Amino acid sequence: MPRVSPRPIKKEIEKEITANLGWVFSQLKSEPAAKDFLDDFLTDEERLMLAKRLAVIYLLKEGYSYNKISEALKITPVTIGKIRLISKSGKTRTTEIFNRTGKQLSLKETLSDLGIFRKQRSR
């Protein structure tokens, strides 16, 4: 997981630079622009971390268990629980975005093809 320097910065600076980040994201008006920005700006590890968070939210909304999600995405149930809390207690706009993700994501089919969510046959 990406690390933040253990040396704290002043709260005013943190507030300003995170506001700048929000503004930059607001300028990404298309999916290709957002993809290019994320590819250029984030490391592979950072992109994967964010993608896993979105995948967890999607799979929880689809009704999958913590164990299945943990197996598929290689993250702990504790992490899944934290992401679930964030998705439930997020700001209204964040919740709206999470509610729209299911229409765009195709993860369930891929995981089914890999056999992760395939139903077990009775013996």
N, C-alpha and C. Protein backbone atom coordinates (compact mmCIF):
# COMPACT_ATOMS: atom_id res chain seq x y z
N MET A 1 0.84 -1.17 0.00
CA MET A 1 0.00 0.00 0.00
C MET A 1 0.89 1.24 0.00
N PRO A 2 0.54 2.25 -0.76
CA PRO A 2 1.35 3.47 -0.79
C PRO A 2 1.47 4.09 0.60
N ARG A 3 2.60 4.68 0.82
CA ARG A 3 2.87 5.27 2.13
C ARG A 3 2.93 6.78 2.05
N VAL A 4 2.44 7.42 3.10
CA VAL A 4 2.55 8.86 3.26
C VAL A 4 3.72 9.10 4.21
N SER A 5 4.46 10.13 3.95
CA SER A 5 5.58 10.46 4.82
C SER A 5 5.12 10.56 6.27
N PRO A 6 5.89 10.00 7.19
CA PRO A 6 5.51 10.09 8.61
C PRO A 6 5.69 11.49 9.18
N ARG A 7 6.36 12.36 8.43
CA ARG A 7 6.55 13.74 8.89
C ARG A 7 5.29 14.54 8.56
N PRO A 8 4.56 14.98 9.57
CA PRO A 8 3.30 15.70 9.31
C PRO A 8 3.54 17.09 8.71
N ILE A 9 2.58 17.52 7.90
CA ILE A 9 2.62 18.88 7.37
C ILE A 9 1.58 19.71 8.11
N LYS A 10 1.68 21.01 7.98
CA LYS A 10 0.72 21.89 8.64
C LYS A 10 -0.68 21.66 8.08
N LYS A 11 -1.67 21.75 8.95
CA LYS A 11 -3.07 21.51 8.55
C LYS A 11 -3.51 22.44 7.43
N GLU A 12 -3.06 23.69 7.46
CA GLU A 12 -3.44 24.65 6.41
C GLU A 12 -2.91 24.20 5.05
N ILE A 13 -1.69 23.68 5.05
CA ILE A 13 -1.10 23.20 3.80
C ILE A 13 -1.85 21.97 3.32
N GLU A 14 -2.13 21.04 4.23
CA GLU A 14 -2.88 19.84 3.87
C GLU A 14 -4.24 20.19 3.27
N LYS A 15 -4.93 21.13 3.91
CA LYS A 15 -6.25 21.55 3.42
C LYS A 15 -6.15 22.14 2.02
N GLU A 16 -5.16 22.98 1.79
CA GLU A 16 -5.00 23.63 0.49
C GLU A 16 -4.64 22.63 -0.61
N ILE A 17 -3.71 21.72 -0.33
CA ILE A 17 -3.30 20.79 -1.39
C ILE A 17 -4.39 19.76 -1.69
N THR A 18 -5.18 19.38 -0.68
CA THR A 18 -6.28 18.46 -0.97
C THR A 18 -7.40 19.17 -1.73
N ALA A 19 -7.59 20.45 -1.46
CA ALA A 19 -8.56 21.24 -2.24
C ALA A 19 -8.11 21.32 -3.69
N ASN A 20 -6.81 21.51 -3.89
CA ASN A 20 -6.27 21.55 -5.25
C ASN A 20 -6.51 20.22 -5.97
N LEU A 21 -6.34 19.12 -5.25
CA LEU A 21 -6.58 17.81 -5.85
C LEU A 21 -8.04 17.68 -6.29
N GLY A 22 -8.95 18.11 -5.44
CA GLY A 22 -10.37 18.09 -5.82
C GLY A 22 -10.65 18.90 -7.06
N TRP A 23 -10.03 20.08 -7.15
CA TRP A 23 -10.22 20.93 -8.32
C TRP A 23 -9.70 20.23 -9.58
N VAL A 24 -8.52 19.63 -9.48
CA VAL A 24 -7.94 18.95 -10.64
C VAL A 24 -8.88 17.84 -11.11
N PHE A 25 -9.41 17.04 -10.19
CA PHE A 25 -10.34 15.98 -10.58
C PHE A 25 -11.59 16.55 -11.25
N SER A 26 -12.04 17.70 -10.80
CA SER A 26 -13.23 18.31 -11.39
C SER A 26 -13.00 18.73 -12.84
N GLN A 27 -11.76 18.87 -13.24
CA GLN A 27 -11.43 19.28 -14.61
C GLN A 27 -11.41 18.11 -15.59
N LEU A 28 -11.49 16.90 -15.09
CA LEU A 28 -11.45 15.72 -15.95
C LEU A 28 -12.86 15.45 -16.47
N LYS A 29 -13.13 15.94 -17.66
CA LYS A 29 -14.50 15.94 -18.19
C LYS A 29 -14.87 14.69 -18.99
N SER A 30 -13.90 13.82 -19.24
CA SER A 30 -14.21 12.63 -20.03
C SER A 30 -13.46 11.43 -19.46
N GLU A 31 -13.95 10.24 -19.80
CA GLU A 31 -13.29 9.02 -19.34
C GLU A 31 -11.86 8.92 -19.87
N PRO A 32 -11.60 9.21 -21.16
CA PRO A 32 -10.20 9.16 -21.63
C PRO A 32 -9.29 10.14 -20.89
N ALA A 33 -9.80 11.34 -20.59
CA ALA A 33 -8.99 12.32 -19.85
C ALA A 33 -8.70 11.81 -18.45
N ALA A 34 -9.70 11.23 -17.81
CA ALA A 34 -9.51 10.70 -16.46
C ALA A 34 -8.52 9.55 -16.47
N LYS A 35 -8.64 8.65 -17.45
CA LYS A 35 -7.72 7.52 -17.54
C LYS A 35 -6.30 8.00 -17.76
N ASP A 36 -6.11 8.92 -18.69
CA ASP A 36 -4.76 9.45 -18.95
C ASP A 36 -4.18 10.09 -17.69
N PHE A 37 -4.99 10.87 -17.01
CA PHE A 37 -4.52 11.54 -15.79
C PHE A 37 -4.11 10.51 -14.75
N LEU A 38 -4.96 9.53 -14.50
CA LEU A 38 -4.64 8.52 -13.49
C LEU A 38 -3.41 7.71 -13.88
N ASP A 39 -3.28 7.38 -15.17
CA ASP A 39 -2.09 6.65 -15.63
C ASP A 39 -0.82 7.46 -15.42
N ASP A 40 -0.89 8.75 -15.68
CA ASP A 40 0.29 9.61 -15.55
C ASP A 40 0.59 9.97 -14.09
N PHE A 41 -0.43 10.19 -13.30
CA PHE A 41 -0.28 10.78 -11.98
C PHE A 41 -0.07 9.75 -10.87
N LEU A 42 -0.68 8.57 -11.00
CA LEU A 42 -0.61 7.56 -9.95
C LEU A 42 0.33 6.43 -10.34
N THR A 43 0.93 5.80 -9.33
CA THR A 43 1.72 4.61 -9.59
C THR A 43 0.77 3.44 -9.84
N ASP A 44 1.30 2.35 -10.36
CA ASP A 44 0.49 1.15 -10.57
C ASP A 44 -0.15 0.70 -9.25
N GLU A 45 0.62 0.75 -8.18
CA GLU A 45 0.13 0.34 -6.87
C GLU A 45 -1.02 1.24 -6.38
N GLU A 46 -0.89 2.53 -6.58
CA GLU A 46 -1.94 3.47 -6.16
C GLU A 46 -3.21 3.27 -6.97
N ARG A 47 -3.06 3.06 -8.29
CA ARG A 47 -4.24 2.81 -9.14
C ARG A 47 -4.94 1.53 -8.71
N LEU A 48 -4.16 0.49 -8.45
CA LEU A 48 -4.75 -0.79 -8.05
C LEU A 48 -5.48 -0.66 -6.72
N MET A 49 -4.90 0.08 -5.78
CA MET A 49 -5.54 0.27 -4.48
C MET A 49 -6.90 0.95 -4.65
N LEU A 50 -6.97 2.00 -5.44
CA LEU A 50 -8.24 2.69 -5.67
C LEU A 50 -9.23 1.80 -6.42
N ALA A 51 -8.74 1.06 -7.41
CA ALA A 51 -9.61 0.17 -8.18
C ALA A 51 -10.20 -0.92 -7.30
N LYS A 52 -9.39 -1.45 -6.38
CA LYS A 52 -9.90 -2.47 -5.46
C LYS A 52 -10.99 -1.90 -4.56
N ARG A 53 -10.82 -0.67 -4.12
CA ARG A 53 -11.85 -0.05 -3.27
C ARG A 53 -13.17 0.05 -4.02
N LEU A 54 -13.12 0.48 -5.27
CA LEU A 54 -14.35 0.55 -6.07
C LEU A 54 -14.94 -0.84 -6.28
N ALA A 55 -14.08 -1.82 -6.54
CA ALA A 55 -14.56 -3.19 -6.75
C ALA A 55 -15.24 -3.73 -5.50
N VAL A 56 -14.69 -3.44 -4.33
CA VAL A 56 -15.31 -3.88 -3.08
C VAL A 56 -16.72 -3.30 -2.95
N ILE A 57 -16.85 -2.02 -3.19
CA ILE A 57 -18.16 -1.37 -3.09
C ILE A 57 -19.15 -2.02 -4.05
N TYR A 58 -18.72 -2.25 -5.28
CA TYR A 58 -19.57 -2.88 -6.28
C TYR A 58 -20.00 -4.28 -5.83
N LEU A 59 -19.04 -5.09 -5.40
CA LEU A 59 -19.35 -6.47 -5.03
C LEU A 59 -20.22 -6.54 -3.77
N LEU A 60 -20.02 -5.63 -2.83
CA LEU A 60 -20.90 -5.58 -1.67
C LEU A 60 -22.33 -5.25 -2.09
N LYS A 61 -22.47 -4.30 -3.01
CA LYS A 61 -23.81 -3.94 -3.50
C LYS A 61 -24.47 -5.11 -4.22
N GLU A 62 -23.64 -5.97 -4.84
CA GLU A 62 -24.17 -7.14 -5.53
C GLU A 62 -24.49 -8.28 -4.57
N GLY A 63 -24.16 -8.11 -3.30
CA GLY A 63 -24.52 -9.10 -2.29
C GLY A 63 -23.48 -10.17 -2.01
N TYR A 64 -22.27 -10.00 -2.46
CA TYR A 64 -21.23 -11.00 -2.22
C TYR A 64 -20.69 -10.90 -0.80
N SER A 65 -20.28 -12.03 -0.27
CA SER A 65 -19.79 -12.09 1.10
C SER A 65 -18.38 -11.52 1.20
N TYR A 66 -18.03 -11.14 2.42
CA TYR A 66 -16.67 -10.65 2.68
C TYR A 66 -15.64 -11.71 2.27
N ASN A 67 -15.94 -12.99 2.55
CA ASN A 67 -14.99 -14.06 2.22
C ASN A 67 -14.75 -14.17 0.72
N LYS A 68 -15.82 -14.10 -0.07
CA LYS A 68 -15.67 -14.19 -1.52
C LYS A 68 -14.91 -12.98 -2.06
N ILE A 69 -15.23 -11.80 -1.55
CA ILE A 69 -14.55 -10.58 -2.00
C ILE A 69 -13.08 -10.65 -1.61
N SER A 70 -12.81 -11.10 -0.40
CA SER A 70 -11.43 -11.22 0.07
C SER A 70 -10.64 -12.18 -0.81
N GLU A 71 -11.25 -13.30 -1.15
CA GLU A 71 -10.60 -14.29 -2.02
C GLU A 71 -10.32 -13.72 -3.40
N ALA A 72 -11.28 -13.01 -3.95
CA ALA A 72 -11.14 -12.50 -5.31
C ALA A 72 -10.13 -11.37 -5.41
N LEU A 73 -10.16 -10.45 -4.45
CA LEU A 73 -9.35 -9.23 -4.55
C LEU A 73 -8.10 -9.26 -3.68
N LYS A 74 -7.95 -10.35 -2.90
CA LYS A 74 -6.77 -10.51 -2.04
C LYS A 74 -6.62 -9.35 -1.05
N ILE A 75 -7.73 -9.03 -0.38
CA ILE A 75 -7.70 -8.04 0.69
C ILE A 75 -8.39 -8.64 1.91
N THR A 76 -8.11 -8.10 3.07
CA THR A 76 -8.65 -8.68 4.30
C THR A 76 -10.10 -8.28 4.52
N PRO A 77 -10.85 -9.12 5.24
CA PRO A 77 -12.22 -8.74 5.60
C PRO A 77 -12.28 -7.44 6.40
N VAL A 78 -11.25 -7.14 7.20
CA VAL A 78 -11.22 -5.88 7.95
C VAL A 78 -11.20 -4.70 6.99
N THR A 79 -10.38 -4.80 5.94
CA THR A 79 -10.32 -3.74 4.93
C THR A 79 -11.66 -3.59 4.23
N ILE A 80 -12.29 -4.71 3.91
CA ILE A 80 -13.60 -4.67 3.27
C ILE A 80 -14.60 -3.95 4.17
N GLY A 81 -14.56 -4.25 5.47
CA GLY A 81 -15.45 -3.58 6.41
C GLY A 81 -15.24 -2.08 6.46
N LYS A 82 -13.98 -1.66 6.42
CA LYS A 82 -13.68 -0.22 6.43
C LYS A 82 -14.21 0.45 5.17
N ILE A 83 -14.02 -0.20 4.03
CA ILE A 83 -14.51 0.37 2.77
C ILE A 83 -16.03 0.43 2.78
N ARG A 84 -16.67 -0.59 3.33
CA ARG A 84 -18.14 -0.61 3.44
C ARG A 84 -18.63 0.58 4.27
N LEU A 85 -17.96 0.83 5.39
CA LEU A 85 -18.35 1.96 6.24
C LEU A 85 -18.21 3.28 5.50
N ILE A 86 -17.12 3.44 4.77
CA ILE A 86 -16.91 4.66 3.99
C ILE A 86 -18.02 4.83 2.97
N SER A 87 -18.37 3.73 2.29
CA SER A 87 -19.40 3.83 1.25
C SER A 87 -20.77 4.14 1.84
N LYS A 88 -21.02 3.68 3.06
CA LYS A 88 -22.31 3.92 3.71
C LYS A 88 -22.41 5.31 4.32
N SER A 89 -21.29 5.84 4.79
CA SER A 89 -21.35 7.11 5.52
C SER A 89 -20.76 8.27 4.72
N GLY A 90 -20.54 8.05 3.43
CA GLY A 90 -19.96 9.10 2.60
C GLY A 90 -20.91 10.26 2.38
N LYS A 91 -20.38 11.31 1.83
CA LYS A 91 -21.18 12.49 1.49
C LYS A 91 -22.20 12.11 0.41
N THR A 92 -23.24 12.89 0.29
CA THR A 92 -24.33 12.58 -0.65
C THR A 92 -23.81 12.38 -2.06
N ARG A 93 -22.94 13.24 -2.54
CA ARG A 93 -22.41 13.11 -3.90
C ARG A 93 -21.61 11.83 -4.06
N THR A 94 -20.86 11.47 -3.03
CA THR A 94 -20.08 10.23 -3.08
C THR A 94 -21.01 9.04 -3.18
N THR A 95 -22.06 9.03 -2.38
CA THR A 95 -23.04 7.95 -2.41
C THR A 95 -23.69 7.84 -3.78
N GLU A 96 -24.01 8.97 -4.40
CA GLU A 96 -24.60 8.96 -5.74
C GLU A 96 -23.66 8.31 -6.74
N ILE A 97 -22.38 8.63 -6.65
CA ILE A 97 -21.40 8.03 -7.56
C ILE A 97 -21.33 6.53 -7.33
N PHE A 98 -21.29 6.10 -6.07
CA PHE A 98 -21.25 4.67 -5.78
C PHE A 98 -22.50 3.97 -6.32
N ASN A 99 -23.65 4.62 -6.23
CA ASN A 99 -24.88 4.03 -6.74
C ASN A 99 -24.87 3.88 -8.25
N ARG A 100 -24.13 4.73 -8.95
CA ARG A 100 -24.06 4.65 -10.41
C ARG A 100 -23.01 3.66 -10.89
N THR A 101 -22.09 3.23 -10.04
CA THR A 101 -20.98 2.40 -10.51
C THR A 101 -21.44 1.06 -11.06
N GLY A 102 -22.47 0.48 -10.48
CA GLY A 102 -22.92 -0.83 -10.92
C GLY A 102 -23.30 -0.90 -12.38
N LYS A 103 -23.74 0.21 -12.94
CA LYS A 103 -24.16 0.23 -14.34
C LYS A 103 -22.96 0.19 -15.29
N GLN A 104 -21.79 0.57 -14.80
CA GLN A 104 -20.61 0.67 -15.65
C GLN A 104 -19.60 -0.46 -15.45
N LEU A 105 -19.65 -1.13 -14.31
CA LEU A 105 -18.63 -2.12 -13.99
C LEU A 105 -19.00 -3.49 -14.52
N SER A 106 -18.00 -4.24 -14.93
CA SER A 106 -18.24 -5.58 -15.48
C SER A 106 -17.47 -6.63 -14.70
N LEU A 107 -17.18 -6.38 -13.47
CA LEU A 107 -16.33 -7.25 -12.67
C LEU A 107 -16.96 -8.61 -12.40
N LYS A 108 -18.26 -8.65 -12.16
CA LYS A 108 -18.91 -9.90 -11.79
C LYS A 108 -18.71 -10.96 -12.87
N GLU A 109 -18.83 -10.59 -14.12
CA GLU A 109 -18.67 -11.54 -15.22
C GLU A 109 -17.24 -12.08 -15.27
N THR A 110 -16.27 -11.21 -15.10
CA THR A 110 -14.87 -11.63 -15.12
C THR A 110 -14.59 -12.60 -13.99
N LEU A 111 -15.04 -12.28 -12.79
CA LEU A 111 -14.80 -13.16 -11.65
C LEU A 111 -15.53 -14.48 -11.80
N SER A 112 -16.70 -14.45 -12.39
CA SER A 112 -17.43 -15.69 -12.64
C SER A 112 -16.67 -16.55 -13.64
N ASP A 113 -16.12 -15.92 -14.68
CA ASP A 113 -15.33 -16.66 -15.67
C ASP A 113 -14.11 -17.31 -15.03
N LEU A 114 -13.54 -16.67 -14.02
CA LEU A 114 -12.39 -17.23 -13.32
C LEU A 114 -12.78 -18.30 -12.31
N GLY A 115 -14.07 -18.48 -12.09
CA GLY A 115 -14.55 -19.50 -11.18
C GLY A 115 -14.63 -19.06 -9.73
N ILE A 116 -14.33 -17.80 -9.46
CA ILE A 116 -14.33 -17.33 -8.08
C ILE A 116 -15.74 -17.27 -7.51
N PHE A 117 -16.70 -16.86 -8.31
CA PHE A 117 -18.06 -16.75 -7.83
C PHE A 117 -18.98 -17.81 -8.44
N ARG A 118 -18.39 -18.80 -9.07
CA ARG A 118 -19.19 -19.87 -9.65
C ARG A 118 -19.85 -20.66 -8.53
N LYS A 119 -21.09 -21.02 -8.74
CA LYS A 119 -21.81 -21.77 -7.72
C LYS A 119 -21.20 -23.17 -7.60
N GLN A 120 -21.13 -23.65 -6.37
CA GLN A 120 -20.59 -24.98 -6.11
C GLN A 120 -21.63 -26.02 -6.51
N ARG A 121 -21.16 -27.07 -7.12
CA ARG A 121 -22.08 -28.16 -7.51
C ARG A 121 -22.34 -29.05 -6.30
N SER A 122 -23.58 -29.49 -6.16
CA SER A 122 -23.86 -30.41 -5.06
C SER A 122 -23.38 -31.80 -5.42
N ARG A 123 -22.91 -32.48 -4.41
CA ARG A 123 -22.35 -33.83 -4.65
C ARG A 123 -23.33 -34.89 -4.29
